[in-house]
Structures are given as structure tokens and as C-alpha cells.
Amino acid sequence: MMTRMMRRLIYRLLLVKLLFALTMFLQGFWYWLLNFELAFFTSMAIVFGSFHGYKHLVLKRLEQGEGSDESLLEKIEDPYELYDEEQAVNEDESVDLAQVVKDEKARLKQNKETLKKTVKSSPGLFSVWRFVPYIVLVLSFIGLNNNNILDIPAFLIGLGLGILSAIFIGLKSFNQ
């Protein structure tokens, strides 16, 4: 559900962009305009696809109850358990360094779940809404280059403005 203010913002951005495109086309810079438009729309689609993929990933994890765990906050605040009261050592006790190293290695092996975490976050990484625009971006770059109409400054400006526009629209929609 898009609010009236959000629609107005999008319409204004599209109107400014349309006027810019019309000016460039009338001045004979159709190749510049083509480079700009391809980069602009694909970069916006990539950012919106990222927003969409990660939003569904977060919602899925919240439904499963993974986001409400207090131990996650403790891991962030004290990842190496330096301030744990149970492991406090008195100054007069002797410490076996070999045993401490073995305990730390065992604890680190337990915490190595990077593959598991990567697989869990892969729906956000490999979302179709994000992957397809990347393919279109690469193919458009190759197509423009093969036809000798690639204009790098126009392409980079289109990428930058597309990313900024998508982030601006995304932030406005989250603030509503």
C-alpha cells in the first residue's frame, strides 16, 4: 500500500527524469541517453531487489523466532566472553595455559557456523529480483560496448543516480 505522499515523490522524480531524458534526446545525445537509462533502471532494480530479498529474509527469521533471542545481544556485546563472571580467575589461582588454549580452540570450533549462516542468508543474496537485474546490467554493458556506443561517464552517472534514487525512495517508504 503506497501512500499519497510516496506516489507524489515518485511522480516528481519520474517527471524530472523524463524532462532530462527529453532534453538529452532533443540535443542529439541519444547514445548518452541510452547509456544513462540502461544503467539507471538496472541499478534501481538491483537496489529494490536487494531491499525485497532482505526484507523477506528478515520477516522469515522473525516468524521463526530467531530475532527475539537475548543470547544474540549477549554475543554482540561480549563475543569473546571476556566479562563472563563464571570464567573470572582469581589472581592467586594458577592458570594452565595449555588447557586455556585447548578450551578456546574447542569453543571456536563450536562457533564456526559460517557455512550454515551463509546458506541461511542465501535467499537474500541470490534473490531473483536481484540476480536478473545484474544479468541485464552486464549484458547491456557488453551490448553497448560491442556496438561502440558505450559512454562510460553516462553509464556511471546513471548507475550512481539510480542507486541514490532507489535508496531515497526506499528510505522514504520505510519512514512512512
N, C-alpha and C. Protein backbone atom coordinates (compact mmCIF):
# COMPACT_ATOMS: atom_id res chain seq x y z
N MET A 1 0.85 -1.16 0.00
CA MET A 1 0.00 0.00 0.00
C MET A 1 0.90 1.23 0.00
N MET A 2 0.80 2.01 -1.04
CA MET A 2 1.63 3.18 -1.19
C MET A 2 0.82 4.42 -0.80
N THR A 3 1.41 5.24 0.02
CA THR A 3 0.70 6.44 0.46
C THR A 3 0.70 7.49 -0.64
N ARG A 4 -0.14 8.47 -0.48
CA ARG A 4 -0.27 9.55 -1.45
C ARG A 4 1.03 10.34 -1.56
N MET A 5 1.69 10.58 -0.43
CA MET A 5 2.93 11.33 -0.44
C MET A 5 4.03 10.57 -1.18
N MET A 6 4.05 9.26 -1.01
CA MET A 6 5.05 8.44 -1.69
C MET A 6 4.81 8.47 -3.20
N ARG A 7 3.57 8.39 -3.62
CA ARG A 7 3.25 8.45 -5.04
C ARG A 7 3.68 9.79 -5.63
N ARG A 8 3.42 10.87 -4.90
CA ARG A 8 3.82 12.19 -5.38
C ARG A 8 5.34 12.28 -5.55
N LEU A 9 6.06 11.73 -4.61
CA LEU A 9 7.52 11.74 -4.69
C LEU A 9 8.00 10.98 -5.92
N ILE A 10 7.46 9.82 -6.15
CA ILE A 10 7.86 9.01 -7.31
C ILE A 10 7.47 9.72 -8.59
N TYR A 11 6.29 10.31 -8.65
CA TYR A 11 5.87 11.04 -9.85
C TYR A 11 6.79 12.24 -10.13
N ARG A 12 7.19 12.94 -9.08
CA ARG A 12 8.10 14.08 -9.27
C ARG A 12 9.46 13.62 -9.79
N LEU A 13 9.98 12.54 -9.20
CA LEU A 13 11.27 12.02 -9.68
C LEU A 13 11.18 11.57 -11.13
N LEU A 14 10.09 10.91 -11.48
CA LEU A 14 9.92 10.47 -12.87
C LEU A 14 9.76 11.65 -13.82
N LEU A 15 9.08 12.70 -13.39
CA LEU A 15 8.91 13.88 -14.23
C LEU A 15 10.25 14.57 -14.48
N VAL A 16 11.05 14.73 -13.45
CA VAL A 16 12.38 15.34 -13.61
C VAL A 16 13.23 14.48 -14.53
N LYS A 17 13.17 13.19 -14.35
CA LYS A 17 13.95 12.29 -15.18
C LYS A 17 13.47 12.32 -16.63
N LEU A 18 12.17 12.38 -16.84
CA LEU A 18 11.62 12.46 -18.19
C LEU A 18 12.05 13.75 -18.88
N LEU A 19 12.01 14.87 -18.17
CA LEU A 19 12.46 16.13 -18.75
C LEU A 19 13.95 16.08 -19.10
N PHE A 20 14.74 15.47 -18.25
CA PHE A 20 16.17 15.31 -18.52
C PHE A 20 16.38 14.44 -19.76
N ALA A 21 15.65 13.35 -19.84
CA ALA A 21 15.80 12.44 -20.99
C ALA A 21 15.35 13.13 -22.28
N LEU A 22 14.27 13.86 -22.23
CA LEU A 22 13.78 14.56 -23.41
C LEU A 22 14.77 15.62 -23.88
N THR A 23 15.37 16.35 -22.94
CA THR A 23 16.38 17.35 -23.29
C THR A 23 17.59 16.71 -23.95
N MET A 24 18.05 15.61 -23.40
CA MET A 24 19.22 14.93 -23.97
C MET A 24 18.91 14.38 -25.37
N PHE A 25 17.71 13.85 -25.54
CA PHE A 25 17.33 13.28 -26.83
C PHE A 25 17.21 14.37 -27.89
N LEU A 26 16.61 15.50 -27.54
CA LEU A 26 16.43 16.59 -28.49
C LEU A 26 17.76 17.23 -28.89
N GLN A 27 18.74 17.16 -28.03
CA GLN A 27 20.05 17.71 -28.34
C GLN A 27 20.91 16.73 -29.14
N GLY A 28 20.40 15.56 -29.45
CA GLY A 28 21.11 14.61 -30.29
C GLY A 28 22.01 13.64 -29.55
N PHE A 29 21.88 13.56 -28.25
CA PHE A 29 22.71 12.65 -27.46
C PHE A 29 21.95 11.37 -27.15
N TRP A 30 21.44 10.71 -28.17
CA TRP A 30 20.65 9.51 -27.94
C TRP A 30 21.49 8.39 -27.36
N TYR A 31 22.75 8.28 -27.75
CA TYR A 31 23.61 7.23 -27.20
C TYR A 31 23.93 7.51 -25.73
N TRP A 32 24.11 8.77 -25.38
CA TRP A 32 24.33 9.15 -23.99
C TRP A 32 23.11 8.79 -23.17
N LEU A 33 21.94 9.10 -23.72
CA LEU A 33 20.68 8.81 -23.04
C LEU A 33 20.48 7.31 -22.88
N LEU A 34 20.81 6.54 -23.90
CA LEU A 34 20.67 5.09 -23.82
C LEU A 34 21.57 4.51 -22.73
N ASN A 35 22.81 4.95 -22.66
CA ASN A 35 23.73 4.50 -21.61
C ASN A 35 23.18 4.87 -20.23
N PHE A 36 22.74 6.10 -20.10
CA PHE A 36 22.22 6.58 -18.82
C PHE A 36 21.00 5.77 -18.38
N GLU A 37 20.05 5.59 -19.30
CA GLU A 37 18.80 4.91 -18.96
C GLU A 37 19.03 3.44 -18.58
N LEU A 38 19.85 2.74 -19.35
CA LEU A 38 20.12 1.34 -19.03
C LEU A 38 20.76 1.20 -17.65
N ALA A 39 21.74 2.03 -17.37
CA ALA A 39 22.40 1.96 -16.07
C ALA A 39 21.46 2.39 -14.94
N PHE A 40 20.66 3.42 -15.19
CA PHE A 40 19.75 3.94 -14.16
C PHE A 40 18.73 2.89 -13.75
N PHE A 41 18.03 2.32 -14.73
CA PHE A 41 16.97 1.38 -14.39
C PHE A 41 17.50 0.06 -13.83
N THR A 42 18.62 -0.41 -14.33
CA THR A 42 19.14 -1.67 -13.78
C THR A 42 19.68 -1.47 -12.37
N SER A 43 20.32 -0.34 -12.09
CA SER A 43 20.81 -0.12 -10.72
C SER A 43 19.65 0.06 -9.75
N MET A 44 18.59 0.73 -10.18
CA MET A 44 17.41 0.84 -9.32
C MET A 44 16.79 -0.53 -9.06
N ALA A 45 16.72 -1.35 -10.10
CA ALA A 45 16.15 -2.68 -9.94
C ALA A 45 17.01 -3.54 -9.01
N ILE A 46 18.33 -3.39 -9.08
CA ILE A 46 19.21 -4.15 -8.19
C ILE A 46 18.98 -3.75 -6.73
N VAL A 47 18.89 -2.45 -6.47
CA VAL A 47 18.70 -1.99 -5.10
C VAL A 47 17.32 -2.39 -4.58
N PHE A 48 16.29 -2.23 -5.39
CA PHE A 48 14.96 -2.65 -4.96
C PHE A 48 14.89 -4.16 -4.76
N GLY A 49 15.58 -4.91 -5.61
CA GLY A 49 15.64 -6.36 -5.43
C GLY A 49 16.35 -6.73 -4.15
N SER A 50 17.39 -6.00 -3.80
CA SER A 50 18.09 -6.24 -2.53
C SER A 50 17.18 -5.95 -1.35
N PHE A 51 16.48 -4.82 -1.41
CA PHE A 51 15.54 -4.48 -0.35
C PHE A 51 14.50 -5.59 -0.19
N HIS A 52 13.95 -6.02 -1.31
CA HIS A 52 12.90 -7.04 -1.30
C HIS A 52 13.43 -8.36 -0.74
N GLY A 53 14.59 -8.79 -1.20
CA GLY A 53 15.14 -10.07 -0.75
C GLY A 53 15.47 -10.07 0.73
N TYR A 54 16.10 -9.03 1.21
CA TYR A 54 16.46 -8.97 2.62
C TYR A 54 15.26 -8.73 3.52
N LYS A 55 14.26 -8.04 3.02
CA LYS A 55 13.03 -7.85 3.80
C LYS A 55 12.36 -9.19 4.05
N HIS A 56 12.27 -10.01 3.01
CA HIS A 56 11.65 -11.33 3.18
C HIS A 56 12.51 -12.23 4.06
N LEU A 57 13.83 -12.09 3.99
CA LEU A 57 14.72 -12.87 4.84
C LEU A 57 14.51 -12.51 6.31
N VAL A 58 14.43 -11.21 6.61
CA VAL A 58 14.22 -10.78 7.99
C VAL A 58 12.85 -11.20 8.48
N LEU A 59 11.83 -11.03 7.67
CA LEU A 59 10.48 -11.44 8.08
C LEU A 59 10.40 -12.94 8.34
N LYS A 60 11.07 -13.71 7.52
CA LYS A 60 11.09 -15.17 7.69
C LYS A 60 11.76 -15.55 9.00
N ARG A 61 12.88 -14.89 9.31
CA ARG A 61 13.58 -15.18 10.56
C ARG A 61 12.78 -14.72 11.77
N LEU A 62 12.06 -13.61 11.64
CA LEU A 62 11.23 -13.17 12.75
C LEU A 62 10.08 -14.12 13.00
N GLU A 63 9.52 -14.68 11.94
CA GLU A 63 8.45 -15.65 12.09
C GLU A 63 8.94 -16.92 12.76
N GLN A 64 10.19 -17.28 12.51
CA GLN A 64 10.76 -18.47 13.12
C GLN A 64 11.24 -18.22 14.54
N GLY A 65 11.24 -16.96 14.97
CA GLY A 65 11.62 -16.62 16.33
C GLY A 65 13.10 -16.45 16.53
N GLU A 66 13.87 -16.29 15.47
CA GLU A 66 15.32 -16.16 15.61
C GLU A 66 15.72 -14.76 16.06
N GLY A 67 14.88 -13.76 15.86
CA GLY A 67 15.26 -12.39 16.17
C GLY A 67 15.01 -12.00 17.61
N SER A 68 14.31 -12.84 18.40
CA SER A 68 13.95 -12.46 19.75
C SER A 68 14.85 -13.08 20.80
N ASP A 69 15.92 -13.70 20.41
CA ASP A 69 16.81 -14.38 21.34
C ASP A 69 17.71 -13.37 22.05
N GLU A 70 17.72 -13.40 23.39
CA GLU A 70 18.56 -12.47 24.14
C GLU A 70 20.02 -12.87 24.08
N SER A 71 20.31 -14.14 23.80
CA SER A 71 21.71 -14.56 23.72
C SER A 71 22.41 -13.90 22.52
N LEU A 72 21.65 -13.54 21.51
CA LEU A 72 22.22 -12.83 20.37
C LEU A 72 22.77 -11.48 20.80
N LEU A 73 22.04 -10.78 21.65
CA LEU A 73 22.51 -9.50 22.17
C LEU A 73 23.76 -9.69 23.01
N GLU A 74 23.80 -10.75 23.81
CA GLU A 74 24.98 -11.02 24.61
C GLU A 74 26.19 -11.33 23.74
N LYS A 75 25.98 -12.05 22.63
CA LYS A 75 27.08 -12.37 21.72
C LYS A 75 27.63 -11.11 21.07
N ILE A 76 26.76 -10.16 20.77
CA ILE A 76 27.20 -8.92 20.15
C ILE A 76 27.97 -8.07 21.15
N GLU A 77 27.47 -7.98 22.39
CA GLU A 77 28.12 -7.15 23.39
C GLU A 77 29.44 -7.73 23.86
N ASP A 78 29.51 -9.05 24.02
CA ASP A 78 30.72 -9.69 24.55
C ASP A 78 30.99 -10.96 23.75
N PRO A 79 31.50 -10.82 22.50
CA PRO A 79 31.66 -12.00 21.64
C PRO A 79 32.70 -13.00 22.15
N TYR A 80 33.67 -12.55 22.91
CA TYR A 80 34.73 -13.45 23.39
C TYR A 80 34.57 -13.81 24.86
N GLU A 81 33.44 -13.45 25.43
CA GLU A 81 33.10 -13.75 26.82
C GLU A 81 34.20 -13.29 27.77
N LEU A 82 34.66 -12.07 27.54
CA LEU A 82 35.71 -11.53 28.39
C LEU A 82 35.19 -11.09 29.75
N TYR A 83 33.92 -10.73 29.80
CA TYR A 83 33.35 -10.21 31.03
C TYR A 83 32.42 -11.21 31.70
N ASP A 84 32.60 -12.46 31.41
CA ASP A 84 31.76 -13.51 31.98
C ASP A 84 32.19 -13.76 33.43
N GLU A 85 31.24 -13.72 34.37
CA GLU A 85 31.55 -13.90 35.78
C GLU A 85 31.99 -15.32 36.09
N GLU A 86 31.46 -16.30 35.37
CA GLU A 86 31.79 -17.69 35.64
C GLU A 86 33.24 -18.01 35.32
N GLN A 87 33.80 -17.32 34.37
CA GLN A 87 35.16 -17.61 33.95
C GLN A 87 36.19 -16.69 34.60
N ALA A 88 35.75 -15.90 35.56
CA ALA A 88 36.69 -15.00 36.23
C ALA A 88 37.69 -15.82 37.03
N VAL A 89 38.94 -15.45 36.90
CA VAL A 89 40.02 -16.18 37.57
C VAL A 89 40.60 -15.30 38.66
N ASN A 90 40.73 -15.88 39.82
CA ASN A 90 41.37 -15.14 40.91
C ASN A 90 42.85 -15.01 40.63
N GLU A 91 43.44 -13.97 41.15
CA GLU A 91 44.86 -13.72 40.91
C GLU A 91 45.74 -14.78 41.56
N ASP A 92 45.31 -15.36 42.67
CA ASP A 92 46.15 -16.32 43.36
C ASP A 92 46.05 -17.73 42.77
N GLU A 93 45.10 -18.00 41.88
CA GLU A 93 45.00 -19.32 41.25
C GLU A 93 46.02 -19.42 40.12
N SER A 94 46.56 -20.60 39.96
CA SER A 94 47.49 -20.81 38.85
C SER A 94 46.69 -21.21 37.62
N VAL A 95 47.11 -20.72 36.45
CA VAL A 95 46.39 -20.96 35.21
C VAL A 95 47.25 -21.84 34.31
N ASP A 96 46.66 -22.93 33.83
CA ASP A 96 47.35 -23.81 32.88
C ASP A 96 47.09 -23.26 31.48
N LEU A 97 48.10 -22.65 30.88
CA LEU A 97 47.93 -22.01 29.58
C LEU A 97 47.60 -23.00 28.49
N ALA A 98 48.14 -24.19 28.54
CA ALA A 98 47.83 -25.21 27.53
C ALA A 98 46.35 -25.57 27.57
N GLN A 99 45.80 -25.68 28.76
CA GLN A 99 44.38 -26.01 28.90
C GLN A 99 43.51 -24.86 28.40
N VAL A 100 43.93 -23.62 28.68
CA VAL A 100 43.18 -22.45 28.22
C VAL A 100 43.15 -22.40 26.70
N VAL A 101 44.29 -22.68 26.07
CA VAL A 101 44.36 -22.68 24.61
C VAL A 101 43.47 -23.77 24.03
N LYS A 102 43.49 -24.98 24.64
CA LYS A 102 42.64 -26.08 24.16
C LYS A 102 41.16 -25.72 24.29
N ASP A 103 40.80 -25.11 25.42
CA ASP A 103 39.41 -24.71 25.63
C ASP A 103 38.95 -23.68 24.61
N GLU A 104 39.82 -22.72 24.33
CA GLU A 104 39.49 -21.67 23.35
C GLU A 104 39.35 -22.25 21.94
N LYS A 105 40.23 -23.17 21.59
CA LYS A 105 40.14 -23.81 20.27
C LYS A 105 38.84 -24.59 20.15
N ALA A 106 38.47 -25.31 21.20
CA ALA A 106 37.23 -26.07 21.18
C ALA A 106 36.03 -25.15 21.07
N ARG A 107 36.08 -24.03 21.79
CA ARG A 107 34.96 -23.07 21.74
C ARG A 107 34.85 -22.42 20.37
N LEU A 108 35.99 -22.11 19.75
CA LEU A 108 35.97 -21.51 18.43
C LEU A 108 35.46 -22.48 17.38
N LYS A 109 35.79 -23.76 17.51
CA LYS A 109 35.27 -24.76 16.58
C LYS A 109 33.76 -24.89 16.70
N GLN A 110 33.25 -24.75 17.92
CA GLN A 110 31.81 -24.82 18.12
C GLN A 110 31.10 -23.65 17.46
N ASN A 111 31.71 -22.47 17.51
CA ASN A 111 31.08 -21.26 16.99
C ASN A 111 31.23 -21.10 15.49
N LYS A 112 31.96 -21.97 14.84
CA LYS A 112 32.14 -21.84 13.39
C LYS A 112 30.91 -22.40 12.68
N GLU A 113 30.02 -21.50 12.38
CA GLU A 113 28.81 -21.87 11.65
C GLU A 113 28.69 -20.98 10.41
N THR A 114 29.83 -20.59 9.85
CA THR A 114 29.77 -19.65 8.74
C THR A 114 29.06 -20.23 7.54
N LEU A 115 29.27 -21.50 7.25
CA LEU A 115 28.59 -22.12 6.11
C LEU A 115 27.09 -22.17 6.36
N LYS A 116 26.72 -22.52 7.57
CA LYS A 116 25.30 -22.58 7.92
C LYS A 116 24.66 -21.20 7.82
N LYS A 117 25.36 -20.18 8.32
CA LYS A 117 24.84 -18.82 8.24
C LYS A 117 24.77 -18.32 6.81
N THR A 118 25.73 -18.70 6.00
CA THR A 118 25.72 -18.29 4.60
C THR A 118 24.55 -18.92 3.86
N VAL A 119 24.29 -20.18 4.13
CA VAL A 119 23.16 -20.85 3.49
C VAL A 119 21.84 -20.23 3.93
N LYS A 120 21.77 -19.84 5.22
CA LYS A 120 20.55 -19.20 5.71
C LYS A 120 20.31 -17.85 5.05
N SER A 121 21.39 -17.10 4.78
CA SER A 121 21.23 -15.78 4.19
C SER A 121 21.24 -15.80 2.67
N SER A 122 21.41 -16.97 2.07
CA SER A 122 21.48 -17.04 0.61
C SER A 122 20.19 -16.64 -0.09
N PRO A 123 19.00 -16.83 0.48
CA PRO A 123 17.82 -16.31 -0.22
C PRO A 123 17.88 -14.80 -0.42
N GLY A 124 18.47 -14.07 0.52
CA GLY A 124 18.62 -12.63 0.35
C GLY A 124 19.71 -12.29 -0.65
N LEU A 125 20.74 -13.14 -0.71
CA LEU A 125 21.84 -12.88 -1.63
C LEU A 125 21.47 -13.24 -3.07
N PHE A 126 20.79 -14.35 -3.24
CA PHE A 126 20.51 -14.86 -4.57
C PHE A 126 19.05 -14.73 -4.95
N SER A 127 18.44 -13.64 -4.56
CA SER A 127 17.06 -13.38 -4.91
C SER A 127 16.94 -13.15 -6.42
N VAL A 128 15.88 -13.66 -7.02
CA VAL A 128 15.65 -13.47 -8.45
C VAL A 128 15.49 -12.00 -8.77
N TRP A 129 14.87 -11.26 -7.86
CA TRP A 129 14.65 -9.82 -8.07
C TRP A 129 15.96 -9.05 -8.06
N ARG A 130 17.00 -9.66 -7.55
CA ARG A 130 18.31 -9.01 -7.53
C ARG A 130 19.22 -9.58 -8.61
N PHE A 131 19.12 -10.85 -8.86
CA PHE A 131 20.01 -11.54 -9.79
C PHE A 131 19.73 -11.16 -11.24
N VAL A 132 18.47 -11.08 -11.63
CA VAL A 132 18.10 -10.76 -13.01
C VAL A 132 18.57 -9.36 -13.41
N PRO A 133 18.38 -8.32 -12.56
CA PRO A 133 18.91 -7.00 -12.95
C PRO A 133 20.43 -6.98 -13.11
N TYR A 134 21.15 -7.78 -12.32
CA TYR A 134 22.60 -7.86 -12.52
C TYR A 134 22.91 -8.42 -13.90
N ILE A 135 22.18 -9.43 -14.33
CA ILE A 135 22.40 -10.00 -15.66
C ILE A 135 22.09 -8.96 -16.73
N VAL A 136 21.00 -8.23 -16.56
CA VAL A 136 20.63 -7.19 -17.53
C VAL A 136 21.70 -6.10 -17.56
N LEU A 137 22.23 -5.72 -16.40
CA LEU A 137 23.27 -4.70 -16.34
C LEU A 137 24.52 -5.14 -17.09
N VAL A 138 24.96 -6.36 -16.85
CA VAL A 138 26.17 -6.86 -17.51
C VAL A 138 25.95 -7.00 -19.01
N LEU A 139 24.79 -7.55 -19.40
CA LEU A 139 24.51 -7.72 -20.83
C LEU A 139 24.36 -6.37 -21.54
N SER A 140 23.77 -5.39 -20.87
CA SER A 140 23.64 -4.07 -21.50
C SER A 140 25.01 -3.43 -21.67
N PHE A 141 25.88 -3.59 -20.67
CA PHE A 141 27.23 -3.05 -20.78
C PHE A 141 27.97 -3.70 -21.95
N ILE A 142 27.87 -5.02 -22.04
CA ILE A 142 28.54 -5.73 -23.15
C ILE A 142 27.95 -5.34 -24.49
N GLY A 143 26.61 -5.22 -24.55
CA GLY A 143 25.96 -4.84 -25.80
C GLY A 143 26.34 -3.44 -26.25
N LEU A 144 26.37 -2.50 -25.32
CA LEU A 144 26.78 -1.14 -25.67
C LEU A 144 28.24 -1.10 -26.13
N ASN A 145 29.07 -1.86 -25.46
CA ASN A 145 30.49 -1.88 -25.81
C ASN A 145 30.71 -2.52 -27.18
N ASN A 146 30.00 -3.61 -27.47
CA ASN A 146 30.16 -4.28 -28.76
C ASN A 146 29.66 -3.44 -29.93
N ASN A 147 28.69 -2.59 -29.69
CA ASN A 147 28.16 -1.72 -30.75
C ASN A 147 28.86 -0.36 -30.79
N ASN A 148 29.91 -0.22 -30.00
CA ASN A 148 30.72 1.01 -29.97
C ASN A 148 29.92 2.26 -29.62
N ILE A 149 28.94 2.12 -28.75
CA ILE A 149 28.18 3.28 -28.28
C ILE A 149 28.24 3.42 -26.76
N LEU A 150 29.18 2.72 -26.14
CA LEU A 150 29.33 2.80 -24.70
C LEU A 150 29.96 4.13 -24.33
N ASP A 151 29.29 4.85 -23.44
CA ASP A 151 29.80 6.12 -22.93
C ASP A 151 29.94 5.94 -21.41
N ILE A 152 31.17 5.74 -20.98
CA ILE A 152 31.44 5.41 -19.58
C ILE A 152 30.92 6.48 -18.62
N PRO A 153 31.16 7.79 -18.84
CA PRO A 153 30.62 8.78 -17.89
C PRO A 153 29.10 8.72 -17.78
N ALA A 154 28.41 8.57 -18.89
CA ALA A 154 26.94 8.48 -18.84
C ALA A 154 26.50 7.23 -18.09
N PHE A 155 27.20 6.13 -18.32
CA PHE A 155 26.86 4.88 -17.67
C PHE A 155 27.08 4.99 -16.15
N LEU A 156 28.19 5.58 -15.75
CA LEU A 156 28.48 5.72 -14.32
C LEU A 156 27.54 6.71 -13.64
N ILE A 157 27.19 7.79 -14.34
CA ILE A 157 26.24 8.75 -13.77
C ILE A 157 24.87 8.08 -13.61
N GLY A 158 24.47 7.29 -14.60
CA GLY A 158 23.22 6.56 -14.50
C GLY A 158 23.22 5.57 -13.35
N LEU A 159 24.33 4.86 -13.16
CA LEU A 159 24.44 3.93 -12.03
C LEU A 159 24.31 4.66 -10.70
N GLY A 160 25.05 5.75 -10.57
CA GLY A 160 25.03 6.50 -9.32
C GLY A 160 23.67 7.09 -9.00
N LEU A 161 23.06 7.72 -9.99
CA LEU A 161 21.74 8.32 -9.75
C LEU A 161 20.66 7.27 -9.53
N GLY A 162 20.80 6.14 -10.18
CA GLY A 162 19.84 5.04 -9.96
C GLY A 162 19.92 4.50 -8.55
N ILE A 163 21.14 4.33 -8.06
CA ILE A 163 21.33 3.84 -6.69
C ILE A 163 20.82 4.87 -5.69
N LEU A 164 21.18 6.13 -5.89
CA LEU A 164 20.73 7.19 -4.97
C LEU A 164 19.21 7.32 -4.98
N SER A 165 18.59 7.26 -6.15
CA SER A 165 17.14 7.37 -6.24
C SER A 165 16.46 6.20 -5.54
N ALA A 166 16.97 5.01 -5.74
CA ALA A 166 16.36 3.83 -5.10
C ALA A 166 16.50 3.90 -3.59
N ILE A 167 17.65 4.33 -3.11
CA ILE A 167 17.85 4.44 -1.67
C ILE A 167 16.95 5.53 -1.10
N PHE A 168 16.84 6.65 -1.80
CA PHE A 168 15.98 7.74 -1.35
C PHE A 168 14.52 7.29 -1.28
N ILE A 169 14.05 6.63 -2.31
CA ILE A 169 12.67 6.13 -2.32
C ILE A 169 12.48 5.08 -1.25
N GLY A 170 13.47 4.19 -1.08
CA GLY A 170 13.38 3.16 -0.05
C GLY A 170 13.33 3.74 1.36
N LEU A 171 14.14 4.76 1.62
CA LEU A 171 14.13 5.39 2.94
C LEU A 171 12.81 6.11 3.19
N LYS A 172 12.29 6.77 2.17
CA LYS A 172 11.01 7.45 2.33
C LYS A 172 9.89 6.44 2.61
N SER A 173 9.95 5.28 1.96
CA SER A 173 8.89 4.29 2.17
C SER A 173 8.99 3.65 3.55
N PHE A 174 10.20 3.52 4.10
CA PHE A 174 10.36 2.96 5.45
C PHE A 174 9.95 3.95 6.52
N ASN A 175 10.10 5.23 6.25
CA ASN A 175 9.72 6.26 7.22
C ASN A 175 8.22 6.48 7.29
N GLN A 176 7.49 6.00 6.33
CA GLN A 176 6.03 6.20 6.31
C GLN A 176 5.35 5.28 7.29
